[in-house]
Each structure stands twice: as C-alpha cells, then as structure tokens.
Amino acid sequence: MAPKGWCSRLRRERMRAWLTAAWAAAVLLASPLDVWAGGVAGQAGVDQRAVQLGRPFVLTISLSGDLTGVQGEPAFDVPEGLHISSRRQVTDLSVGPAGISRSLNFVYVLVPTKPGTFQLGPFAIQRQDQRVMIDAVEVIVQKPRLPPFLAPQSRYIL
C-alpha cells in the first residue's frame, strides 16, 4: 500500500517542472530578437559636454545584445590634454517581462589638463570575428572662471 499523500506530492513535482519549462519558454520567446540573432548595439556618452579645466568627467561606452565573444576593452586613443584617472567594467543582466537583456558598460573617469575641444573615439570593440564601431563623442574643456575680486576693507576684525 502506498504512503498517504504520495499522489499529491507527485502532482506538485510535475506541476513545478511544467511551470519551470513554461516560464523558460516564455522568457526565450519574449526576448529581443537581436540577442538571439547575434546583433550587438553600442553607444558612447559623457555626463557633461562642457567641463572646466581640471574637473573630472565620466565617459561611458555601452554594449548590448549578444555579447558572447567580446574581447577586451574598446580601442580608442586618448587625446593629448586628457588623462584617464580610473576605469571600470560593469556587466548587467536582467530578466523581466520584456525578456532577457544583457549589457556591458566600460566607464572611464577623465581629467582634462588643457583647454580646448576634444573628440573621444570613434571606439572599436572586437567580438569574435566581427569589429563593432561606435561613434565619437565631443567634449569642450573651458578655462575656469577667475574668482571674484575682493575689495580691500578699511578695517580688519579678528
């Protein structure tokens, strides 16, 4: 004779397996097509288009889509007059009603050492046998304003 409750336990296990398979199928079907078709999208941007000399700004290069086989950091030349203070790489993976999305962000903190207009990029990233190009970004570095002149006062208070 079978133990009591074994039938309901078997039904729960089958139901859990079925729900897991149905959820996985729904996520795969709802995913953006470029992820499964092998497409990669990229963009670059800065947090400030006009910066003061000596004030840091952030350059972010973002990749999304099928990122398998992405090799290394984006290749670009840093113009003379800009210095890379720090760099980091961030990977985001999200699963939701819209599907699975994955993005890879390269974040650079740059400090200007000379005034002028600088072009960062174009940026190139290698993915397996494909080279992905991302458009350049322009930054204007201005000389800092002089502090307001303080007029001498006739008396001093200590």
C-alpha atoms as a PDB file:
ATOM      1  CA  MET A   1       0.000   0.000   0.000  1.00  0.00           C
ATOM      2  CA  ALA A   2       1.363   3.464  -0.955  1.00  0.00           C
ATOM      3  CA  PRO A   3       2.010   6.032   1.783  1.00  0.00           C
ATOM      4  CA  LYS A   4      -0.626   8.681   2.277  1.00  0.00           C
ATOM      5  CA  GLY A   5      -0.096  11.909   0.260  1.00  0.00           C
ATOM      6  CA  TRP A   6       2.326  10.459  -2.318  1.00  0.00           C
ATOM      7  CA  CYS A   7      -0.055  11.247  -5.197  1.00  0.00           C
ATOM      8  CA  SER A   8      -0.364  14.918  -4.319  1.00  0.00           C
ATOM      9  CA  ARG A   9       3.429  15.197  -3.891  1.00  0.00           C
ATOM     10  CA  LEU A  10       3.953  13.670  -7.348  1.00  0.00           C
ATOM     11  CA  ARG A  11       1.448  16.130  -8.838  1.00  0.00           C
ATOM     12  CA  ARG A  12       3.246  19.069  -7.195  1.00  0.00           C
ATOM     13  CA  GLU A  13       6.609  17.945  -8.601  1.00  0.00           C
ATOM     14  CA  ARG A  14       5.168  17.536 -12.099  1.00  0.00           C
ATOM     15  CA  MET A  15       3.424  20.907 -11.862  1.00  0.00           C
ATOM     16  CA  ARG A  16       6.654  22.600 -10.701  1.00  0.00           C
ATOM     17  CA  ALA A  17       8.610  21.044 -13.610  1.00  0.00           C
ATOM     18  CA  TRP A  18       5.920  22.088 -16.090  1.00  0.00           C
ATOM     19  CA  LEU A  19       5.787  25.661 -14.749  1.00  0.00           C
ATOM     20  CA  THR A  20       9.583  25.957 -14.884  1.00  0.00           C
ATOM     21  CA  ALA A  21       9.647  24.787 -18.511  1.00  0.00           C
ATOM     22  CA  ALA A  22       6.761  27.111 -19.434  1.00  0.00           C
ATOM     23  CA  TRP A  23       8.476  30.089 -17.777  1.00  0.00           C
ATOM     24  CA  ALA A  24      11.770  29.384 -19.575  1.00  0.00           C
ATOM     25  CA  ALA A  25       9.974  29.086 -22.929  1.00  0.00           C
ATOM     26  CA  ALA A  26       8.091  32.346 -22.323  1.00  0.00           C
ATOM     27  CA  VAL A  27      11.306  34.184 -21.467  1.00  0.00           C
ATOM     28  CA  LEU A  28      13.073  32.874 -24.580  1.00  0.00           C
ATOM     29  CA  LEU A  29      10.167  33.789 -26.848  1.00  0.00           C
ATOM     30  CA  ALA A  30       9.768  37.260 -25.346  1.00  0.00           C
ATOM     31  CA  SER A  31      13.488  38.114 -25.594  1.00  0.00           C
ATOM     32  CA  PRO A  32      14.587  40.773 -28.051  1.00  0.00           C
ATOM     33  CA  LEU A  33      15.438  39.268 -31.413  1.00  0.00           C
ATOM     34  CA  ASP A  34      18.855  40.906 -31.686  1.00  0.00           C
ATOM     35  CA  VAL A  35      20.074  38.929 -28.655  1.00  0.00           C
ATOM     36  CA  TRP A  36      19.386  35.623 -30.386  1.00  0.00           C
ATOM     37  CA  ALA A  37      20.202  36.798 -33.901  1.00  0.00           C
ATOM     38  CA  GLY A  38      23.710  37.809 -32.848  1.00  0.00           C
ATOM     39  CA  GLY A  39      23.296  41.581 -33.040  1.00  0.00           C
ATOM     40  CA  VAL A  40      25.357  43.966 -30.933  1.00  0.00           C
ATOM     41  CA  ALA A  41      24.406  47.583 -30.342  1.00  0.00           C
ATOM     42  CA  GLY A  42      26.784  50.156 -28.919  1.00  0.00           C
ATOM     43  CA  GLN A  43      26.734  53.774 -27.814  1.00  0.00           C
ATOM     44  CA  ALA A  44      29.061  56.207 -26.081  1.00  0.00           C
ATOM     45  CA  GLY A  45      28.316  59.258 -23.981  1.00  0.00           C
ATOM     46  CA  VAL A  46      29.699  61.680 -21.420  1.00  0.00           C
ATOM     47  CA  ASP A  47      27.997  63.073 -18.345  1.00  0.00           C
ATOM     48  CA  GLN A  48      28.980  66.663 -19.285  1.00  0.00           C
ATOM     49  CA  ARG A  49      29.590  68.081 -22.767  1.00  0.00           C
ATOM     50  CA  ALA A  50      31.307  71.224 -21.413  1.00  0.00           C
ATOM     51  CA  VAL A  51      33.674  70.886 -18.447  1.00  0.00           C
ATOM     52  CA  GLN A  52      36.035  73.145 -16.530  1.00  0.00           C
ATOM     53  CA  LEU A  53      39.777  72.580 -16.763  1.00  0.00           C
ATOM     54  CA  GLY A  54      40.869  70.161 -14.045  1.00  0.00           C
ATOM     55  CA  ARG A  55      37.320  68.947 -13.259  1.00  0.00           C
ATOM     56  CA  PRO A  56      36.753  65.221 -13.931  1.00  0.00           C
ATOM     57  CA  PHE A  57      34.007  63.915 -16.211  1.00  0.00           C
ATOM     58  CA  VAL A  58      32.734  60.403 -16.957  1.00  0.00           C
ATOM     59  CA  LEU A  59      32.844  58.640 -20.328  1.00  0.00           C
ATOM     60  CA  THR A  60      30.580  55.567 -20.626  1.00  0.00           C
ATOM     61  CA  ILE A  61      30.725  53.108 -23.516  1.00  0.00           C
ATOM     62  CA  SER A  62      27.749  50.705 -23.502  1.00  0.00           C
ATOM     63  CA  LEU A  63      27.275  47.478 -25.445  1.00  0.00           C
ATOM     64  CA  SER A  64      24.064  45.441 -25.505  1.00  0.00           C
ATOM     65  CA  GLY A  65      22.802  42.371 -27.341  1.00  0.00           C
ATOM     66  CA  ASP A  66      24.667  39.130 -27.911  1.00  0.00           C
ATOM     67  CA  LEU A  67      27.931  39.818 -26.093  1.00  0.00           C
ATOM     68  CA  THR A  68      29.458  36.359 -26.396  1.00  0.00           C
ATOM     69  CA  GLY A  69      32.992  36.605 -27.641  1.00  0.00           C
ATOM     70  CA  VAL A  70      33.537  40.266 -26.727  1.00  0.00           C
ATOM     71  CA  GLN A  71      37.276  40.593 -26.252  1.00  0.00           C
ATOM     72  CA  GLY A  72      38.838  43.252 -24.053  1.00  0.00           C
ATOM     73  CA  GLU A  73      38.109  46.933 -23.713  1.00  0.00           C
ATOM     74  CA  PRO A  74      37.143  49.274 -26.545  1.00  0.00           C
ATOM     75  CA  ALA A  75      40.113  50.512 -28.520  1.00  0.00           C
ATOM     76  CA  PHE A  76      40.435  54.297 -28.709  1.00  0.00           C
ATOM     77  CA  ASP A  77      43.125  56.946 -28.477  1.00  0.00           C
ATOM     78  CA  VAL A  78      43.035  59.355 -25.548  1.00  0.00           C
ATOM     79  CA  PRO A  79      43.794  62.830 -26.919  1.00  0.00           C
ATOM     80  CA  GLU A  80      46.698  64.795 -25.501  1.00  0.00           C
ATOM     81  CA  GLY A  81      45.214  67.083 -22.880  1.00  0.00           C
ATOM     82  CA  LEU A  82      43.046  64.386 -21.256  1.00  0.00           C
ATOM     83  CA  HIS A  83      44.159  61.893 -18.616  1.00  0.00           C
ATOM     84  CA  ILE A  84      42.359  58.669 -17.614  1.00  0.00           C
ATOM     85  CA  SER A  85      42.011  58.788 -13.843  1.00  0.00           C
ATOM     86  CA  SER A  86      40.148  55.489 -13.381  1.00  0.00           C
ATOM     87  CA  ARG A  87      38.370  52.813 -15.367  1.00  0.00           C
ATOM     88  CA  ARG A  88      35.925  50.039 -14.571  1.00  0.00           C
ATOM     89  CA  GLN A  89      33.768  47.472 -16.314  1.00  0.00           C
ATOM     90  CA  VAL A  90      30.161  46.741 -15.327  1.00  0.00           C
ATOM     91  CA  THR A  91      28.011  43.853 -16.605  1.00  0.00           C
ATOM     92  CA  ASP A  92      24.225  43.995 -16.181  1.00  0.00           C
ATOM     93  CA  LEU A  93      21.880  41.051 -16.676  1.00  0.00           C
ATOM     94  CA  SER A  94      18.149  41.488 -16.251  1.00  0.00           C
ATOM     95  CA  VAL A  95      15.266  39.083 -16.692  1.00  0.00           C
ATOM     96  CA  GLY A  96      11.796  40.514 -16.862  1.00  0.00           C
ATOM     97  CA  PRO A  97       8.530  40.538 -18.782  1.00  0.00           C
ATOM     98  CA  ALA A  98      10.292  42.026 -21.807  1.00  0.00           C
ATOM     99  CA  GLY A  99      12.804  39.178 -21.829  1.00  0.00           C
ATOM    100  CA  ILE A 100      16.465  38.734 -21.073  1.00  0.00           C
ATOM    101  CA  SER A 101      18.780  41.666 -21.637  1.00  0.00           C
ATOM    102  CA  ARG A 102      22.496  41.894 -21.036  1.00  0.00           C
ATOM    103  CA  SER A 103      24.689  44.949 -21.271  1.00  0.00           C
ATOM    104  CA  LEU A 104      28.364  45.646 -20.808  1.00  0.00           C
ATOM    105  CA  ASN A 105      29.479  49.136 -19.743  1.00  0.00           C
ATOM    106  CA  PHE A 106      33.017  50.489 -19.780  1.00  0.00           C
ATOM    107  CA  VAL A 107      33.255  53.545 -17.523  1.00  0.00           C
ATOM    108  CA  TYR A 108      36.228  55.929 -17.633  1.00  0.00           C
ATOM    109  CA  VAL A 109      36.854  58.962 -15.424  1.00  0.00           C
ATOM    110  CA  LEU A 110      38.828  61.522 -17.433  1.00  0.00           C
ATOM    111  CA  VAL A 111      40.528  64.670 -16.166  1.00  0.00           C
ATOM    112  CA  PRO A 112      41.310  67.478 -18.655  1.00  0.00           C
ATOM    113  CA  THR A 113      44.765  69.057 -18.401  1.00  0.00           C
ATOM    114  CA  LYS A 114      44.461  71.521 -21.319  1.00  0.00           C
ATOM    115  CA  PRO A 115      41.581  73.695 -22.555  1.00  0.00           C
ATOM    116  CA  GLY A 116      40.102  73.046 -25.989  1.00  0.00           C
ATOM    117  CA  THR A 117      37.675  70.840 -27.904  1.00  0.00           C
ATOM    118  CA  PHE A 118      38.434  67.131 -27.771  1.00  0.00           C
ATOM    119  CA  GLN A 119      36.997  64.242 -29.753  1.00  0.00           C
ATOM    120  CA  LEU A 120      36.845  60.901 -27.944  1.00  0.00           C
ATOM    121  CA  GLY A 121      36.593  57.992 -30.348  1.00  0.00           C
ATOM    122  CA  PRO A 122      35.471  56.502 -32.621  1.00  0.00           C
ATOM    123  CA  PHE A 123      35.509  53.394 -30.461  1.00  0.00           C
ATOM    124  CA  ALA A 124      36.156  49.879 -31.755  1.00  0.00           C
ATOM    125  CA  ILE A 125      35.352  46.648 -29.936  1.00  0.00           C
ATOM    126  CA  GLN A 126      36.275  43.168 -31.133  1.00  0.00           C
ATOM    127  CA  ARG A 127      33.605  40.426 -30.949  1.00  0.00           C
ATOM    128  CA  GLN A 128      34.747  37.061 -32.300  1.00  0.00           C
ATOM    129  CA  ASP A 129      35.437  37.814 -35.987  1.00  0.00           C
ATOM    130  CA  GLN A 130      33.343  40.998 -36.037  1.00  0.00           C
ATOM    131  CA  ARG A 131      34.528  44.563 -35.335  1.00  0.00           C
ATOM    132  CA  VAL A 132      31.856  46.830 -33.805  1.00  0.00           C
ATOM    133  CA  MET A 133      32.335  50.587 -34.310  1.00  0.00           C
ATOM    134  CA  ILE A 134      30.791  53.236 -32.034  1.00  0.00           C
ATOM    135  CA  ASP A 135      30.554  56.923 -32.958  1.00  0.00           C
ATOM    136  CA  ALA A 136      32.815  59.558 -31.410  1.00  0.00           C
ATOM    137  CA  VAL A 137      31.847  61.969 -28.620  1.00  0.00           C
ATOM    138  CA  GLU A 138      32.956  65.613 -28.401  1.00  0.00           C
ATOM    139  CA  VAL A 139      33.902  67.388 -25.161  1.00  0.00           C
ATOM    140  CA  ILE A 140      34.652  71.096 -24.679  1.00  0.00           C
ATOM    141  CA  VAL A 141      37.141  71.963 -21.928  1.00  0.00           C
ATOM    142  CA  GLN A 142      36.949  75.579 -20.734  1.00  0.00           C
ATOM    143  CA  LYS A 143      39.350  77.576 -18.630  1.00  0.00           C
ATOM    144  CA  PRO A 144      37.946  78.111 -15.142  1.00  0.00           C
ATOM    145  CA  ARG A 145      36.477  81.488 -14.346  1.00  0.00           C
ATOM    146  CA  LEU A 146      38.530  83.707 -12.078  1.00  0.00           C
ATOM    147  CA  PRO A 147      37.205  84.108  -8.554  1.00  0.00           C
ATOM    148  CA  PRO A 148      35.544  87.466  -7.865  1.00  0.00           C
ATOM    149  CA  PHE A 149      37.972  90.166  -6.780  1.00  0.00           C
ATOM    150  CA  LEU A 150      37.733  91.008  -3.116  1.00  0.00           C
ATOM    151  CA  ALA A 151      37.983  94.713  -2.435  1.00  0.00           C
ATOM    152  CA  PRO A 152      40.279  95.634   0.472  1.00  0.00           C
ATOM    153  CA  GLN A 153      38.420  96.706   3.536  1.00  0.00           C
ATOM    154  CA  SER A 154      39.446  99.617   5.719  1.00  0.00           C
ATOM    155  CA  ARG A 155      39.314  97.681   8.975  1.00  0.00           C
ATOM    156  CA  TYR A 156      40.077  94.127   9.942  1.00  0.00           C
ATOM    157  CA  ILE A 157      38.206  92.166  12.587  1.00  0.00           C
ATOM    158  CA  LEU A 158      39.936  89.369  14.404  1.00  0.00           C
END
